[in-house]
Amino acid sequence: MASIEQARAALASHGALAPQSAAEHWRGEIPLPAAIETFYAQVGPLGEWINDRVGHAGLTVPTAGNPFSIPTLARLWELQAGYRWHGITGERIADWPDHWLVVADQGADPFIFDLNTGAIQFARHGEGVWKDDAPIFADILEMAACLGTIGQVWDEAGEDIFMDDDSVNPVHRARLIERLTPLIGASEAGDIADLFDW
């Protein structure tokens, strides 16, 4: 499992981090899970300031395909629109489990915190009904450390990231797996690289 320090170190190059308290920033209709409260209080993905109406943007982490997006705590409940409830009508979506909370996304494909286990699943839109799948990360700190690391390797690679056929350069894929291995193990690191098209 990743530590708070590893999550902070991995995310720091992708935008501002600052403590965000549940009392001041949580707008949800359900109690904020303790692990999420700790994540925002001690890791605190904040990002750049947009304006008084929007506030801080949260973090955008580059990778192959759409970037990963990690919201501020003030915007976390808004992220549930389109999953927990219909984004226009506000009507509750029946097949979205009550024990799921979206904590990040990649092009609207959600990273889902399971309130029962604390583990993180990843789902893709358009695959039919939402269902419990095996988690891809043990907890939100592991998710943050891994996504941040993916973004770091992406940034370090620069224009050398892609081959002529638009696949990720195997040199950088190998570097990514090497950097993820201390966080989640070699086999899981390869699975994460595959999942996110590295």
C-alpha atoms as a PDB file:
ATOM      1  CA  MET A   1       0.000   0.000   0.000  1.00  0.00           C
ATOM      2  CA  ALA A   2       1.133   3.514  -0.754  1.00  0.00           C
ATOM      3  CA  SER A   3       1.740   6.080   1.958  1.00  0.00           C
ATOM      4  CA  ILE A   4       0.519   9.654   2.215  1.00  0.00           C
ATOM      5  CA  GLU A   5       4.065  10.786   1.417  1.00  0.00           C
ATOM      6  CA  GLN A   6       4.200   8.642  -1.747  1.00  0.00           C
ATOM      7  CA  ALA A   7       0.823   9.952  -2.912  1.00  0.00           C
ATOM      8  CA  ARG A   8       1.881  13.560  -2.312  1.00  0.00           C
ATOM      9  CA  ALA A   9       5.236  13.069  -4.050  1.00  0.00           C
ATOM     10  CA  ALA A  10       3.581  11.501  -7.101  1.00  0.00           C
ATOM     11  CA  LEU A  11       0.912  14.210  -7.442  1.00  0.00           C
ATOM     12  CA  ALA A  12       2.995  17.287  -6.571  1.00  0.00           C
ATOM     13  CA  SER A  13       4.254  17.881 -10.113  1.00  0.00           C
ATOM     14  CA  HIS A  14       0.684  17.916 -11.460  1.00  0.00           C
ATOM     15  CA  GLY A  15      -0.617  20.897  -9.510  1.00  0.00           C
ATOM     16  CA  ALA A  16      -1.001  22.514  -6.128  1.00  0.00           C
ATOM     17  CA  LEU A  17      -1.698  20.375  -3.080  1.00  0.00           C
ATOM     18  CA  ALA A  18      -3.231  21.831   0.087  1.00  0.00           C
ATOM     19  CA  PRO A  19      -5.221  20.505   3.060  1.00  0.00           C
ATOM     20  CA  GLN A  20      -8.981  20.555   2.518  1.00  0.00           C
ATOM     21  CA  SER A  21     -11.184  19.909   5.539  1.00  0.00           C
ATOM     22  CA  ALA A  22     -14.465  18.027   5.309  1.00  0.00           C
ATOM     23  CA  ALA A  23     -16.184  20.573   7.528  1.00  0.00           C
ATOM     24  CA  GLU A  24     -15.373  23.381   5.111  1.00  0.00           C
ATOM     25  CA  HIS A  25     -15.427  21.669   1.703  1.00  0.00           C
ATOM     26  CA  TRP A  26     -17.580  18.500   1.670  1.00  0.00           C
ATOM     27  CA  ARG A  27     -20.963  19.141   0.031  1.00  0.00           C
ATOM     28  CA  GLY A  28     -22.209  15.565  -0.180  1.00  0.00           C
ATOM     29  CA  GLU A  29     -25.475  14.050   0.955  1.00  0.00           C
ATOM     30  CA  ILE A  30     -23.682  11.052   2.458  1.00  0.00           C
ATOM     31  CA  PRO A  31     -21.063  11.051   5.215  1.00  0.00           C
ATOM     32  CA  LEU A  32     -17.563  11.499   3.834  1.00  0.00           C
ATOM     33  CA  PRO A  33     -15.670   8.209   4.277  1.00  0.00           C
ATOM     34  CA  ALA A  34     -12.747   8.493   6.703  1.00  0.00           C
ATOM     35  CA  ALA A  35     -10.196   7.410   4.076  1.00  0.00           C
ATOM     36  CA  ILE A  36     -11.382  10.139   1.686  1.00  0.00           C
ATOM     37  CA  GLU A  37     -11.365  12.707   4.481  1.00  0.00           C
ATOM     38  CA  THR A  38      -7.751  11.780   5.305  1.00  0.00           C
ATOM     39  CA  PHE A  39      -6.775  11.893   1.627  1.00  0.00           C
ATOM     40  CA  TYR A  40      -8.023  15.452   1.220  1.00  0.00           C
ATOM     41  CA  ALA A  41      -6.710  16.619   4.587  1.00  0.00           C
ATOM     42  CA  GLN A  42      -3.216  15.204   4.100  1.00  0.00           C
ATOM     43  CA  VAL A  43      -2.674  14.889   0.326  1.00  0.00           C
ATOM     44  CA  GLY A  44      -5.086  17.618  -0.779  1.00  0.00           C
ATOM     45  CA  PRO A  45      -5.292  17.667  -4.610  1.00  0.00           C
ATOM     46  CA  LEU A  46      -6.182  21.290  -5.340  1.00  0.00           C
ATOM     47  CA  GLY A  47      -4.806  22.378  -8.732  1.00  0.00           C
ATOM     48  CA  GLU A  48      -4.872  25.873 -10.154  1.00  0.00           C
ATOM     49  CA  TRP A  49      -7.294  28.627  -9.205  1.00  0.00           C
ATOM     50  CA  ILE A  50      -9.853  29.258 -11.971  1.00  0.00           C
ATOM     51  CA  ASN A  51     -12.081  32.054 -10.622  1.00  0.00           C
ATOM     52  CA  ASP A  52     -14.408  32.875  -7.708  1.00  0.00           C
ATOM     53  CA  ARG A  53     -17.305  30.914  -9.196  1.00  0.00           C
ATOM     54  CA  VAL A  54     -15.394  27.738 -10.070  1.00  0.00           C
ATOM     55  CA  GLY A  55     -12.670  27.768  -7.424  1.00  0.00           C
ATOM     56  CA  HIS A  56      -9.715  25.429  -7.842  1.00  0.00           C
ATOM     57  CA  ALA A  57      -9.675  23.063 -10.820  1.00  0.00           C
ATOM     58  CA  GLY A  58      -8.375  19.901  -9.176  1.00  0.00           C
ATOM     59  CA  LEU A  59      -5.520  17.964 -10.755  1.00  0.00           C
ATOM     60  CA  THR A  60      -5.158  16.925 -14.382  1.00  0.00           C
ATOM     61  CA  VAL A  61      -2.619  14.132 -14.793  1.00  0.00           C
ATOM     62  CA  PRO A  62      -1.365  13.319 -18.317  1.00  0.00           C
ATOM     63  CA  THR A  63      -1.298   9.795 -19.697  1.00  0.00           C
ATOM     64  CA  ALA A  64      -1.965   7.907 -22.930  1.00  0.00           C
ATOM     65  CA  GLY A  65      -5.464   8.861 -24.058  1.00  0.00           C
ATOM     66  CA  ASN A  66      -7.536  11.175 -21.893  1.00  0.00           C
ATOM     67  CA  PRO A  67      -5.836  12.597 -18.807  1.00  0.00           C
ATOM     68  CA  PHE A  68      -6.758  11.506 -15.310  1.00  0.00           C
ATOM     69  CA  SER A  69      -8.803  14.061 -13.390  1.00  0.00           C
ATOM     70  CA  ILE A  70      -8.800  14.244  -9.580  1.00  0.00           C
ATOM     71  CA  PRO A  71     -11.239  16.840  -8.189  1.00  0.00           C
ATOM     72  CA  THR A  72     -10.928  19.076  -5.170  1.00  0.00           C
ATOM     73  CA  LEU A  73     -12.994  18.061  -2.171  1.00  0.00           C
ATOM     74  CA  ALA A  74     -15.374  20.974  -2.825  1.00  0.00           C
ATOM     75  CA  ARG A  75     -16.101  19.511  -6.281  1.00  0.00           C
ATOM     76  CA  LEU A  76     -16.135  15.815  -5.362  1.00  0.00           C
ATOM     77  CA  TRP A  77     -19.910  15.568  -4.860  1.00  0.00           C
ATOM     78  CA  GLU A  78     -20.533  17.306  -8.214  1.00  0.00           C
ATOM     79  CA  LEU A  79     -18.487  14.524  -9.842  1.00  0.00           C
ATOM     80  CA  GLN A  80     -21.273  12.062  -8.937  1.00  0.00           C
ATOM     81  CA  ALA A  81     -23.583  13.633 -11.558  1.00  0.00           C
ATOM     82  CA  GLY A  82     -24.092  11.204 -14.416  1.00  0.00           C
ATOM     83  CA  TYR A  83     -23.370   8.247 -12.148  1.00  0.00           C
ATOM     84  CA  ARG A  84     -25.368   8.544  -8.905  1.00  0.00           C
ATOM     85  CA  TRP A  85     -27.968  10.882 -10.417  1.00  0.00           C
ATOM     86  CA  HIS A  86     -28.953  12.155 -13.873  1.00  0.00           C
ATOM     87  CA  GLY A  87     -26.903  15.240 -14.685  1.00  0.00           C
ATOM     88  CA  ILE A  88     -29.868  17.223 -16.057  1.00  0.00           C
ATOM     89  CA  THR A  89     -32.953  15.981 -14.219  1.00  0.00           C
ATOM     90  CA  GLY A  90     -31.255  15.183 -10.908  1.00  0.00           C
ATOM     91  CA  GLU A  91     -33.163  11.880 -10.799  1.00  0.00           C
ATOM     92  CA  ARG A  92     -31.379   9.104  -8.902  1.00  0.00           C
ATOM     93  CA  ILE A  93     -29.918   6.462 -11.252  1.00  0.00           C
ATOM     94  CA  ALA A  94     -31.272   3.107 -10.065  1.00  0.00           C
ATOM     95  CA  ASP A  95     -28.397   0.861 -11.135  1.00  0.00           C
ATOM     96  CA  TRP A  96     -25.653   2.929  -9.435  1.00  0.00           C
ATOM     97  CA  PRO A  97     -24.818   1.194  -6.128  1.00  0.00           C
ATOM     98  CA  ASP A  98     -25.212   3.278  -2.962  1.00  0.00           C
ATOM     99  CA  HIS A  99     -21.797   2.124  -1.729  1.00  0.00           C
ATOM    100  CA  TRP A 100     -19.907   3.662  -4.664  1.00  0.00           C
ATOM    101  CA  LEU A 101     -18.349   7.120  -4.768  1.00  0.00           C
ATOM    102  CA  VAL A 102     -16.526   8.396  -7.869  1.00  0.00           C
ATOM    103  CA  VAL A 103     -13.205   9.889  -6.744  1.00  0.00           C
ATOM    104  CA  ALA A 104     -11.505  10.512 -10.110  1.00  0.00           C
ATOM    105  CA  ASP A 105     -12.088   9.882 -13.793  1.00  0.00           C
ATOM    106  CA  GLN A 106     -10.453   9.480 -17.165  1.00  0.00           C
ATOM    107  CA  GLY A 107     -12.648  10.938 -19.890  1.00  0.00           C
ATOM    108  CA  ALA A 108     -15.784  10.164 -17.797  1.00  0.00           C
ATOM    109  CA  ASP A 109     -14.626   6.583 -17.078  1.00  0.00           C
ATOM    110  CA  PRO A 110     -14.840   6.560 -13.267  1.00  0.00           C
ATOM    111  CA  PHE A 111     -12.454   5.511 -10.546  1.00  0.00           C
ATOM    112  CA  ILE A 112     -14.885   4.216  -7.921  1.00  0.00           C
ATOM    113  CA  PHE A 113     -14.244   4.165  -4.185  1.00  0.00           C
ATOM    114  CA  ASP A 114     -16.126   1.286  -2.554  1.00  0.00           C
ATOM    115  CA  LEU A 115     -17.488   2.548   0.755  1.00  0.00           C
ATOM    116  CA  ASN A 116     -17.637  -1.028   2.066  1.00  0.00           C
ATOM    117  CA  THR A 117     -14.015  -2.007   1.362  1.00  0.00           C
ATOM    118  CA  GLY A 118     -12.076   1.206   0.680  1.00  0.00           C
ATOM    119  CA  ALA A 119     -10.757  -0.308  -2.578  1.00  0.00           C
ATOM    120  CA  ILE A 120     -10.834   1.426  -5.971  1.00  0.00           C
ATOM    121  CA  GLN A 121     -12.479  -0.026  -9.077  1.00  0.00           C
ATOM    122  CA  PHE A 122     -12.280   1.378 -12.599  1.00  0.00           C
ATOM    123  CA  ALA A 123     -15.161   1.179 -15.058  1.00  0.00           C
ATOM    124  CA  ARG A 124     -15.658   2.196 -18.653  1.00  0.00           C
ATOM    125  CA  HIS A 125     -18.822   3.844 -19.925  1.00  0.00           C
ATOM    126  CA  GLY A 126     -20.792   1.954 -22.532  1.00  0.00           C
ATOM    127  CA  GLU A 127     -20.102  -1.546 -21.231  1.00  0.00           C
ATOM    128  CA  GLY A 128     -23.679  -2.203 -20.126  1.00  0.00           C
ATOM    129  CA  VAL A 129     -24.789  -2.141 -16.507  1.00  0.00           C
ATOM    130  CA  TRP A 130     -22.486  -1.019 -13.702  1.00  0.00           C
ATOM    131  CA  LYS A 131     -21.253  -4.025 -11.750  1.00  0.00           C
ATOM    132  CA  ASP A 132     -18.771  -4.810  -9.022  1.00  0.00           C
ATOM    133  CA  ASP A 133     -15.432  -5.729 -10.536  1.00  0.00           C
ATOM    134  CA  ALA A 134     -12.157  -6.654  -8.936  1.00  0.00           C
ATOM    135  CA  PRO A 135     -10.471  -3.546  -7.581  1.00  0.00           C
ATOM    136  CA  ILE A 136      -7.456  -2.170  -9.412  1.00  0.00           C
ATOM    137  CA  PHE A 137      -6.077  -0.298  -6.380  1.00  0.00           C
ATOM    138  CA  ALA A 138      -6.167  -1.238  -2.704  1.00  0.00           C
ATOM    139  CA  ASP A 139      -7.152   2.263  -1.616  1.00  0.00           C
ATOM    140  CA  ILE A 140      -7.222   5.914  -2.639  1.00  0.00           C
ATOM    141  CA  LEU A 141      -3.606   6.554  -1.637  1.00  0.00           C
ATOM    142  CA  GLU A 142      -2.424   3.739  -3.907  1.00  0.00           C
ATOM    143  CA  MET A 143      -4.592   5.149  -6.715  1.00  0.00           C
ATOM    144  CA  ALA A 144      -3.155   8.639  -6.259  1.00  0.00           C
ATOM    145  CA  ALA A 145       0.442   7.402  -6.095  1.00  0.00           C
ATOM    146  CA  CYS A 146       0.033   5.260  -9.223  1.00  0.00           C
ATOM    147  CA  LEU A 147      -1.829   7.842 -11.319  1.00  0.00           C
ATOM    148  CA  GLY A 148       0.648  10.527 -10.310  1.00  0.00           C
ATOM    149  CA  THR A 149       3.554   8.242 -11.217  1.00  0.00           C
ATOM    150  CA  ILE A 150       2.020   7.533 -14.624  1.00  0.00           C
ATOM    151  CA  GLY A 151       1.846  11.294 -15.197  1.00  0.00           C
ATOM    152  CA  GLN A 152       5.442  11.783 -14.083  1.00  0.00           C
ATOM    153  CA  VAL A 153       6.756   9.157 -16.503  1.00  0.00           C
ATOM    154  CA  TRP A 154       4.623  10.689 -19.266  1.00  0.00           C
ATOM    155  CA  ASP A 155       6.055  14.165 -18.605  1.00  0.00           C
ATOM    156  CA  GLU A 156       9.629  12.880 -18.399  1.00  0.00           C
ATOM    157  CA  ALA A 157       9.286  11.075 -21.744  1.00  0.00           C
ATOM    158  CA  GLY A 158       8.298  14.218 -23.625  1.00  0.00           C
ATOM    159  CA  GLU A 159       7.971  13.840 -27.387  1.00  0.00           C
ATOM    160  CA  ASP A 160       9.711  10.460 -27.229  1.00  0.00           C
ATOM    161  CA  ILE A 161       6.603   8.905 -25.618  1.00  0.00           C
ATOM    162  CA  PHE A 162       5.118   7.523 -28.862  1.00  0.00           C
ATOM    163  CA  MET A 163       6.439   5.240 -31.581  1.00  0.00           C
ATOM    164  CA  ASP A 164       5.652   5.857 -35.257  1.00  0.00           C
ATOM    165  CA  ASP A 165       2.538   3.663 -34.978  1.00  0.00           C
ATOM    166  CA  ASP A 166       1.243   5.816 -32.068  1.00  0.00           C
ATOM    167  CA  SER A 167       1.897   3.100 -29.481  1.00  0.00           C
ATOM    168  CA  VAL A 168       3.771   4.027 -26.309  1.00  0.00           C
ATOM    169  CA  ASN A 169       7.508   3.625 -26.667  1.00  0.00           C
ATOM    170  CA  PRO A 170       8.455   0.315 -24.955  1.00  0.00           C
ATOM    171  CA  VAL A 171      11.342   2.065 -23.188  1.00  0.00           C
ATOM    172  CA  HIS A 172       8.899   4.323 -21.360  1.00  0.00           C
ATOM    173  CA  ARG A 173       6.466   1.484 -20.697  1.00  0.00           C
ATOM    174  CA  ALA A 174       9.322  -0.414 -19.025  1.00  0.00           C
ATOM    175  CA  ARG A 175      10.222   2.694 -16.988  1.00  0.00           C
ATOM    176  CA  LEU A 176       6.610   3.041 -15.898  1.00  0.00           C
ATOM    177  CA  ILE A 177       6.409  -0.580 -14.764  1.00  0.00           C
ATOM    178  CA  GLU A 178       9.715  -0.194 -12.915  1.00  0.00           C
ATOM    179  CA  ARG A 179       8.402   2.907 -11.104  1.00  0.00           C
ATOM    180  CA  LEU A 180       5.013   1.351 -10.268  1.00  0.00           C
ATOM    181  CA  THR A 181       6.465  -1.933  -9.008  1.00  0.00           C
ATOM    182  CA  PRO A 182       7.469  -0.668  -5.528  1.00  0.00           C
ATOM    183  CA  LEU A 183       3.912   0.626  -5.096  1.00  0.00           C
ATOM    184  CA  ILE A 184       1.859  -2.358  -6.295  1.00  0.00           C
ATOM    185  CA  GLY A 185       4.167  -5.203  -7.372  1.00  0.00           C
ATOM    186  CA  ALA A 186       5.526  -6.152 -10.797  1.00  0.00           C
ATOM    187  CA  SER A 187       2.541  -8.149 -12.067  1.00  0.00           C
ATOM    188  CA  GLU A 188       0.032  -5.480 -11.049  1.00  0.00           C
ATOM    189  CA  ALA A 189       2.273  -2.769 -12.531  1.00  0.00           C
ATOM    190  CA  GLY A 190       2.122  -4.510 -15.900  1.00  0.00           C
ATOM    191  CA  ASP A 191      -1.656  -4.849 -15.604  1.00  0.00           C
ATOM    192  CA  ILE A 192      -2.014  -1.110 -14.885  1.00  0.00           C
ATOM    193  CA  ALA A 193       0.226  -0.260 -17.851  1.00  0.00           C
ATOM    194  CA  ASP A 194      -2.003  -2.442 -20.069  1.00  0.00           C
ATOM    195  CA  LEU A 195      -5.236  -1.029 -18.668  1.00  0.00           C
ATOM    196  CA  PHE A 196      -4.197   2.528 -19.491  1.00  0.00           C
ATOM    197  CA  ASP A 197      -2.769   1.719 -22.946  1.00  0.00           C
ATOM    198  CA  TRP A 198       0.922   1.960 -22.179  1.00  0.00           C
END
